Amino acid sequence: MEWILRFSPQVSIEDAEKQAIFMSLQQIGTRLTKFSHGSAFIMFTKNFGAIIFEIERIPSFIITVSNIISEENWYNKESLFK
């Protein structure tokens, strides 16, 4: 299946970083096709942190990197109340 990877304008990263995200998505492979239109998923990586993806199936299968959240901006609800 062919798909399009695009990056939201709010995601400002270098071409090498975009290539690394693309390669990570290729490792997921055919599991990508199981997402329905309007779905979203998160990929956690050591280099970037949490990468938020959104799926569109109309007019094509489009995967959008909507945001990247570095690990220092992750908050665990349980640790906030200790």
PDB file of N, CA and C in Angstrom:
ATOM      1  N   MET A   1       0.837  -1.180   0.000  1.00  0.00           N
ATOM      2  CA  MET A   1       0.000   0.000   0.000  1.00  0.00           C
ATOM      3  C   MET A   1       0.881   1.242   0.000  1.00  0.00           C
ATOM      4  N   GLU A   2       0.524   2.189  -0.806  1.00  0.00           N
ATOM      5  CA  GLU A   2       1.241   3.458  -0.841  1.00  0.00           C
ATOM      6  C   GLU A   2       0.636   4.418   0.167  1.00  0.00           C
ATOM      7  N   TRP A   3       1.490   5.204   0.807  1.00  0.00           N
ATOM      8  CA  TRP A   3       1.015   6.197   1.749  1.00  0.00           C
ATOM      9  C   TRP A   3       1.861   7.447   1.647  1.00  0.00           C
ATOM     10  N   ILE A   4       1.314   8.523   2.148  1.00  0.00           N
ATOM     11  CA  ILE A   4       1.972   9.820   2.122  1.00  0.00           C
ATOM     12  C   ILE A   4       2.290  10.211   3.562  1.00  0.00           C
ATOM     13  N   LEU A   5       3.517  10.636   3.793  1.00  0.00           N
ATOM     14  CA  LEU A   5       3.916  11.134   5.107  1.00  0.00           C
ATOM     15  C   LEU A   5       4.068  12.644   4.993  1.00  0.00           C
ATOM     16  N   ARG A   6       3.379  13.354   5.860  1.00  0.00           N
ATOM     17  CA  ARG A   6       3.532  14.807   5.870  1.00  0.00           C
ATOM     18  C   ARG A   6       3.750  15.273   7.303  1.00  0.00           C
ATOM     19  N   PHE A   7       4.277  16.482   7.418  1.00  0.00           N
ATOM     20  CA  PHE A   7       4.604  17.048   8.712  1.00  0.00           C
ATOM     21  C   PHE A   7       3.811  18.327   8.899  1.00  0.00           C
ATOM     22  N   SER A   8       3.151  18.447  10.028  1.00  0.00           N
ATOM     23  CA  SER A   8       2.401  19.648  10.364  1.00  0.00           C
ATOM     24  C   SER A   8       3.353  20.846  10.372  1.00  0.00           C
ATOM     25  N   PRO A   9       2.870  22.023   9.987  1.00  0.00           N
ATOM     26  CA  PRO A   9       3.737  23.210  10.003  1.00  0.00           C
ATOM     27  C   PRO A   9       4.323  23.527  11.378  1.00  0.00           C
ATOM     28  N   GLN A  10       3.675  23.088  12.448  1.00  0.00           N
ATOM     29  CA  GLN A  10       4.194  23.362  13.789  1.00  0.00           C
ATOM     30  C   GLN A  10       5.355  22.451  14.159  1.00  0.00           C
ATOM     31  N   VAL A  11       5.612  21.410  13.367  1.00  0.00           N
ATOM     32  CA  VAL A  11       6.723  20.498  13.621  1.00  0.00           C
ATOM     33  C   VAL A  11       7.923  20.988  12.814  1.00  0.00           C
ATOM     34  N   SER A  12       8.900  21.525  13.512  1.00  0.00           N
ATOM     35  CA  SER A  12      10.076  22.084  12.863  1.00  0.00           C
ATOM     36  C   SER A  12      11.274  21.187  13.150  1.00  0.00           C
ATOM     37  N   ILE A  13      11.598  20.321  12.184  1.00  0.00           N
ATOM     38  CA  ILE A  13      12.739  19.425  12.338  1.00  0.00           C
ATOM     39  C   ILE A  13      13.513  19.372  11.019  1.00  0.00           C
ATOM     40  N   GLU A  14      14.732  18.913  11.103  1.00  0.00           N
ATOM     41  CA  GLU A  14      15.619  18.826   9.945  1.00  0.00           C
ATOM     42  C   GLU A  14      15.243  17.631   9.058  1.00  0.00           C
ATOM     43  N   ASP A  15      15.737  17.655   7.824  1.00  0.00           N
ATOM     44  CA  ASP A  15      15.449  16.582   6.881  1.00  0.00           C
ATOM     45  C   ASP A  15      15.941  15.221   7.371  1.00  0.00           C
ATOM     46  N   ALA A  16      17.092  15.188   8.026  1.00  0.00           N
ATOM     47  CA  ALA A  16      17.622  13.917   8.544  1.00  0.00           C
ATOM     48  C   ALA A  16      16.691  13.339   9.608  1.00  0.00           C
ATOM     49  N   GLU A  17      16.102  14.205  10.427  1.00  0.00           N
ATOM     50  CA  GLU A  17      15.162  13.752  11.450  1.00  0.00           C
ATOM     51  C   GLU A  17      13.871  13.241  10.802  1.00  0.00           C
ATOM     52  N   LYS A  18      13.422  13.917   9.757  1.00  0.00           N
ATOM     53  CA  LYS A  18      12.241  13.451   9.019  1.00  0.00           C
ATOM     54  C   LYS A  18      12.495  12.079   8.428  1.00  0.00           C
ATOM     55  N   GLN A  19      13.696  11.881   7.895  1.00  0.00           N
ATOM     56  CA  GLN A  19      14.061  10.583   7.322  1.00  0.00           C
ATOM     57  C   GLN A  19      14.055   9.496   8.393  1.00  0.00           C
ATOM     58  N   ALA A  20      14.541   9.813   9.588  1.00  0.00           N
ATOM     59  CA  ALA A  20      14.554   8.833  10.689  1.00  0.00           C
ATOM     60  C   ALA A  20      13.127   8.441  11.082  1.00  0.00           C
ATOM     61  N   ILE A  21      12.214   9.397  11.105  1.00  0.00           N
ATOM     62  CA  ILE A  21      10.812   9.098  11.418  1.00  0.00           C
ATOM     63  C   ILE A  21      10.210   8.222  10.329  1.00  0.00           C
ATOM     64  N   PHE A  22      10.510   8.546   9.082  1.00  0.00           N
ATOM     65  CA  PHE A  22      10.032   7.738   7.959  1.00  0.00           C
ATOM     66  C   PHE A  22      10.519   6.293   8.079  1.00  0.00           C
ATOM     67  N   MET A  23      11.789   6.116   8.392  1.00  0.00           N
ATOM     68  CA  MET A  23      12.345   4.764   8.527  1.00  0.00           C
ATOM     69  C   MET A  23      11.681   4.012   9.679  1.00  0.00           C
ATOM     70  N   SER A  24      11.378   4.706  10.765  1.00  0.00           N
ATOM     71  CA  SER A  24      10.688   4.069  11.889  1.00  0.00           C
ATOM     72  C   SER A  24       9.294   3.607  11.481  1.00  0.00           C
ATOM     73  N   LEU A  25       8.609   4.414  10.699  1.00  0.00           N
ATOM     74  CA  LEU A  25       7.273   4.026  10.224  1.00  0.00           C
ATOM     75  C   LEU A  25       7.339   2.807   9.316  1.00  0.00           C
ATOM     76  N   GLN A  26       8.381   2.709   8.522  1.00  0.00           N
ATOM     77  CA  GLN A  26       8.523   1.547   7.646  1.00  0.00           C
ATOM     78  C   GLN A  26       8.641   0.257   8.447  1.00  0.00           C
ATOM     79  N   GLN A  27       9.214   0.327   9.637  1.00  0.00           N
ATOM     80  CA  GLN A  27       9.342  -0.856  10.484  1.00  0.00           C
ATOM     81  C   GLN A  27       7.983  -1.333  10.988  1.00  0.00           C
ATOM     82  N   ILE A  28       7.037  -0.411  11.120  1.00  0.00           N
ATOM     83  CA  ILE A  28       5.683  -0.793  11.536  1.00  0.00           C
ATOM     84  C   ILE A  28       5.008  -1.589  10.423  1.00  0.00           C
ATOM     85  N   GLY A  29       5.312  -1.242   9.185  1.00  0.00           N
ATOM     86  CA  GLY A  29       4.859  -2.001   8.028  1.00  0.00           C
ATOM     87  C   GLY A  29       3.356  -2.032   7.846  1.00  0.00           C
ATOM     88  N   THR A  30       2.837  -3.225   7.605  1.00  0.00           N
ATOM     89  CA  THR A  30       1.423  -3.394   7.251  1.00  0.00           C
ATOM     90  C   THR A  30       0.476  -3.053   8.398  1.00  0.00           C
ATOM     91  N   ARG A  31       0.982  -2.949   9.611  1.00  0.00           N
ATOM     92  CA  ARG A  31       0.110  -2.559  10.728  1.00  0.00           C
ATOM     93  C   ARG A  31      -0.473  -1.164  10.522  1.00  0.00           C
ATOM     94  N   LEU A  32       0.208  -0.343   9.732  1.00  0.00           N
ATOM     95  CA  LEU A  32      -0.302   1.000   9.450  1.00  0.00           C
ATOM     96  C   LEU A  32      -1.650   0.950   8.737  1.00  0.00           C
ATOM     97  N   THR A  33      -1.837  -0.046   7.896  1.00  0.00           N
ATOM     98  CA  THR A  33      -3.077  -0.129   7.107  1.00  0.00           C
ATOM     99  C   THR A  33      -4.292  -0.452   7.967  1.00  0.00           C
ATOM    100  N   LYS A  34      -4.091  -0.870   9.188  1.00  0.00           N
ATOM    101  CA  LYS A  34      -5.214  -1.218  10.068  1.00  0.00           C
ATOM    102  C   LYS A  34      -5.856  -0.004  10.725  1.00  0.00           C
ATOM    103  N   PHE A  35      -5.203   1.152  10.625  1.00  0.00           N
ATOM    104  CA  PHE A  35      -5.764   2.363  11.218  1.00  0.00           C
ATOM    105  C   PHE A  35      -6.868   2.914  10.323  1.00  0.00           C
ATOM    106  N   SER A  36      -7.950   3.337  10.945  1.00  0.00           N
ATOM    107  CA  SER A  36      -9.058   3.903  10.183  1.00  0.00           C
ATOM    108  C   SER A  36      -8.902   5.417  10.063  1.00  0.00           C
ATOM    109  N   HIS A  37      -9.702   5.991   9.188  1.00  0.00           N
ATOM    110  CA  HIS A  37      -9.691   7.439   8.973  1.00  0.00           C
ATOM    111  C   HIS A  37     -10.003   8.145  10.299  1.00  0.00           C
ATOM    112  N   GLY A  38      -9.199   9.120  10.638  1.00  0.00           N
ATOM    113  CA  GLY A  38      -9.404   9.866  11.873  1.00  0.00           C
ATOM    114  C   GLY A  38      -8.682   9.281  13.074  1.00  0.00           C
ATOM    115  N   SER A  39      -8.024   8.141  12.903  1.00  0.00           N
ATOM    116  CA  SER A  39      -7.273   7.534  14.005  1.00  0.00           C
ATOM    117  C   SER A  39      -6.000   8.311  14.285  1.00  0.00           C
ATOM    118  N   ALA A  40      -5.442   8.056  15.448  1.00  0.00           N
ATOM    119  CA  ALA A  40      -4.156   8.645  15.815  1.00  0.00           C
ATOM    120  C   ALA A  40      -3.371   7.598  16.597  1.00  0.00           C
ATOM    121  N   PHE A  41      -2.052   7.738  16.574  1.00  0.00           N
ATOM    122  CA  PHE A  41      -1.222   6.864  17.388  1.00  0.00           C
ATOM    123  C   PHE A  41       0.037   7.610  17.794  1.00  0.00           C
ATOM    124  N   ILE A  42       0.709   7.068  18.798  1.00  0.00           N
ATOM    125  CA  ILE A  42       1.932   7.678  19.334  1.00  0.00           C
ATOM    126  C   ILE A  42       3.070   6.683  19.184  1.00  0.00           C
ATOM    127  N   MET A  43       4.215   7.188  18.776  1.00  0.00           N
ATOM    128  CA  MET A  43       5.434   6.386  18.720  1.00  0.00           C
ATOM    129  C   MET A  43       6.430   7.031  19.687  1.00  0.00           C
ATOM    130  N   PHE A  44       7.011   6.229  20.564  1.00  0.00           N
ATOM    131  CA  PHE A  44       8.013   6.723  21.503  1.00  0.00           C
ATOM    132  C   PHE A  44       9.395   6.347  20.981  1.00  0.00           C
ATOM    133  N   THR A  45      10.283   7.325  20.871  1.00  0.00           N
ATOM    134  CA  THR A  45      11.642   7.070  20.410  1.00  0.00           C
ATOM    135  C   THR A  45      12.635   7.721  21.365  1.00  0.00           C
ATOM    136  N   LYS A  46      13.832   7.176  21.403  1.00  0.00           N
ATOM    137  CA  LYS A  46      14.882   7.749  22.263  1.00  0.00           C
ATOM    138  C   LYS A  46      15.337   9.101  21.731  1.00  0.00           C
ATOM    139  N   ASN A  47      15.368   9.254  20.412  1.00  0.00           N
ATOM    140  CA  ASN A  47      15.896  10.484  19.820  1.00  0.00           C
ATOM    141  C   ASN A  47      14.949  11.668  19.907  1.00  0.00           C
ATOM    142  N   PHE A  48      13.650  11.412  19.750  1.00  0.00           N
ATOM    143  CA  PHE A  48      12.692  12.507  19.644  1.00  0.00           C
ATOM    144  C   PHE A  48      11.758  12.632  20.834  1.00  0.00           C
ATOM    145  N   GLY A  49      11.401  11.528  21.433  1.00  0.00           N
ATOM    146  CA  GLY A  49      10.383  11.511  22.481  1.00  0.00           C
ATOM    147  C   GLY A  49       9.114  10.901  21.927  1.00  0.00           C
ATOM    148  N   ALA A  50       7.989  11.521  22.206  1.00  0.00           N
ATOM    149  CA  ALA A  50       6.691  11.017  21.735  1.00  0.00           C
ATOM    150  C   ALA A  50       6.340  11.723  20.423  1.00  0.00           C
ATOM    151  N   ILE A  51       6.104  10.928  19.394  1.00  0.00           N
ATOM    152  CA  ILE A  51       5.719  11.467  18.092  1.00  0.00           C
ATOM    153  C   ILE A  51       4.247  11.153  17.893  1.00  0.00           C
ATOM    154  N   ILE A  52       3.440  12.172  17.668  1.00  0.00           N
ATOM    155  CA  ILE A  52       1.992  12.018  17.501  1.00  0.00           C
ATOM    156  C   ILE A  52       1.685  11.968  16.008  1.00  0.00           C
ATOM    157  N   PHE A  53       1.002  10.900  15.592  1.00  0.00           N
ATOM    158  CA  PHE A  53       0.627  10.712  14.198  1.00  0.00           C
ATOM    159  C   PHE A  53      -0.893  10.721  14.067  1.00  0.00           C
ATOM    160  N   GLU A  54      -1.387  11.287  12.992  1.00  0.00           N
ATOM    161  CA  GLU A  54      -2.813  11.256  12.667  1.00  0.00           C
ATOM    162  C   GLU A  54      -2.970  10.603  11.304  1.00  0.00           C
ATOM    163  N   ILE A  55      -4.067   9.865  11.140  1.00  0.00           N
ATOM    164  CA  ILE A  55      -4.314   9.106   9.915  1.00  0.00           C
ATOM    165  C   ILE A  55      -5.501   9.687   9.160  1.00  0.00           C
ATOM    166  N   GLU A  56      -5.318   9.825   7.863  1.00  0.00           N
ATOM    167  CA  GLU A  56      -6.420  10.164   6.964  1.00  0.00           C
ATOM    168  C   GLU A  56      -6.444   9.098   5.870  1.00  0.00           C
ATOM    169  N   ARG A  57      -7.604   8.718   5.450  1.00  0.00           N
ATOM    170  CA  ARG A  57      -7.708   7.733   4.382  1.00  0.00           C
ATOM    171  C   ARG A  57      -8.361   8.325   3.140  1.00  0.00           C
ATOM    172  N   ILE A  58      -8.826   9.546   3.225  1.00  0.00           N
ATOM    173  CA  ILE A  58      -9.502  10.165   2.097  1.00  0.00           C
ATOM    174  C   ILE A  58      -8.775  11.470   1.795  1.00  0.00           C
ATOM    175  N   PRO A  59      -8.312  11.757   0.652  1.00  0.00           N
ATOM    176  CA  PRO A  59      -8.439  11.023  -0.607  1.00  0.00           C
ATOM    177  C   PRO A  59      -7.389   9.932  -0.771  1.00  0.00           C
ATOM    178  N   SER A  60      -6.341   9.946   0.068  1.00  0.00           N
ATOM    179  CA  SER A  60      -5.281   8.938   0.035  1.00  0.00           C
ATOM    180  C   SER A  60      -4.971   8.540   1.467  1.00  0.00           C
ATOM    181  N   PHE A  61      -4.117   7.530   1.613  1.00  0.00           N
ATOM    182  CA  PHE A  61      -3.676   7.138   2.950  1.00  0.00           C
ATOM    183  C   PHE A  61      -2.560   8.094   3.351  1.00  0.00           C
ATOM    184  N   ILE A  62      -2.890   9.034   4.245  1.00  0.00           N
ATOM    185  CA  ILE A  62      -1.963  10.093   4.639  1.00  0.00           C
ATOM    186  C   ILE A  62      -1.661   9.968   6.129  1.00  0.00           C
ATOM    187  N   ILE A  63      -0.390   9.955   6.457  1.00  0.00           N
ATOM    188  CA  ILE A  63       0.064   9.927   7.847  1.00  0.00           C
ATOM    189  C   ILE A  63       0.680  11.292   8.126  1.00  0.00           C
ATOM    190  N   THR A  64       0.130  11.995   9.098  1.00  0.00           N
ATOM    191  CA  THR A  64       0.626  13.325   9.441  1.00  0.00           C
ATOM    192  C   THR A  64       1.309  13.289  10.798  1.00  0.00           C
ATOM    193  N   VAL A  65       2.533  13.790  10.849  1.00  0.00           N
ATOM    194  CA  VAL A  65       3.204  14.001  12.131  1.00  0.00           C
ATOM    195  C   VAL A  65       2.656  15.323  12.648  1.00  0.00           C
ATOM    196  N   SER A  66       1.774  15.226  13.652  1.00  0.00           N
ATOM    197  CA  SER A  66       1.109  16.437  14.124  1.00  0.00           C
ATOM    198  C   SER A  66       1.867  17.139  15.246  1.00  0.00           C
ATOM    199  N   ASN A  67       2.696  16.380  15.976  1.00  0.00           N
ATOM    200  CA  ASN A  67       3.463  17.000  17.049  1.00  0.00           C
ATOM    201  C   ASN A  67       4.557  16.051  17.512  1.00  0.00           C
ATOM    202  N   ILE A  68       5.591  16.615  18.066  1.00  0.00           N
ATOM    203  CA  ILE A  68       6.660  15.840  18.701  1.00  0.00           C
ATOM    204  C   ILE A  68       6.850  16.434  20.088  1.00  0.00           C
ATOM    205  N   ILE A  69       6.757  15.570  21.100  1.00  0.00           N
ATOM    206  CA  ILE A  69       6.852  16.027  22.485  1.00  0.00           C
ATOM    207  C   ILE A  69       8.085  15.392  23.114  1.00  0.00           C
ATOM    208  N   SER A  70       9.067  16.207  23.441  1.00  0.00           N
ATOM    209  CA  SER A  70      10.301  15.686  24.014  1.00  0.00           C
ATOM    210  C   SER A  70      10.034  15.123  25.412  1.00  0.00           C
ATOM    211  N   GLU A  71      10.876  14.191  25.799  1.00  0.00           N
ATOM    212  CA  GLU A  71      10.669  13.468  27.063  1.00  0.00           C
ATOM    213  C   GLU A  71      10.640  14.392  28.276  1.00  0.00           C
ATOM    214  N   GLU A  72      11.370  15.499  28.234  1.00  0.00           N
ATOM    215  CA  GLU A  72      11.358  16.401  29.392  1.00  0.00           C
ATOM    216  C   GLU A  72      10.001  17.085  29.566  1.00  0.00           C
ATOM    217  N   ASN A  73       9.129  16.988  28.583  1.00  0.00           N
ATOM    218  CA  ASN A  73       7.783  17.550  28.688  1.00  0.00           C
ATOM    219  C   ASN A  73       6.717  16.484  28.944  1.00  0.00           C
ATOM    220  N   TRP A  74       7.130  15.306  29.337  1.00  0.00           N
ATOM    221  CA  TRP A  74       6.178  14.257  29.712  1.00  0.00           C
ATOM    222  C   TRP A  74       5.906  14.385  31.203  1.00  0.00           C
ATOM    223  N   TYR A  75       4.665  14.202  31.584  1.00  0.00           N
ATOM    224  CA  TYR A  75       4.289  14.256  32.995  1.00  0.00           C
ATOM    225  C   TYR A  75       3.469  13.026  33.336  1.00  0.00           C
ATOM    226  N   ASN A  76       3.846  12.379  34.402  1.00  0.00           N
ATOM    227  CA  ASN A  76       3.135  11.213  34.897  1.00  0.00           C
ATOM    228  C   ASN A  76       2.196  11.691  35.989  1.00  0.00           C
ATOM    229  N   LYS A  77       0.919  11.466  35.811  1.00  0.00           N
ATOM    230  CA  LYS A  77      -0.077  11.951  36.770  1.00  0.00           C
ATOM    231  C   LYS A  77       0.242  11.500  38.192  1.00  0.00           C
ATOM    232  N   GLU A  78       0.683  10.273  38.358  1.00  0.00           N
ATOM    233  CA  GLU A  78       0.973   9.758  39.692  1.00  0.00           C
ATOM    234  C   GLU A  78       2.090  10.531  40.369  1.00  0.00           C
ATOM    235  N   SER A  79       3.113  10.923  39.617  1.00  0.00           N
ATOM    236  CA  SER A  79       4.243  11.637  40.223  1.00  0.00           C
ATOM    237  C   SER A  79       3.875  13.073  40.575  1.00  0.00           C
ATOM    238  N   LEU A  80       2.830  13.627  39.971  1.00  0.00           N
ATOM    239  CA  LEU A  80       2.412  14.996  40.282  1.00  0.00           C
ATOM    240  C   LEU A  80       1.790  15.105  41.664  1.00  0.00           C
ATOM    241  N   PHE A  81       1.264  13.994  42.186  1.00  0.00           N
ATOM    242  CA  PHE A  81       0.550  14.010  43.463  1.00  0.00           C
ATOM    243  C   PHE A  81       1.368  13.466  44.615  1.00  0.00           C
ATOM    244  N   LYS A  82       2.647  13.266  44.434  1.00  0.00           N
ATOM    245  CA  LYS A  82       3.498  12.745  45.515  1.00  0.00           C
ATOM    246  C   LYS A  82       4.174  13.863  46.246  1.00  0.00           C
TER     247      LYS A  82
END
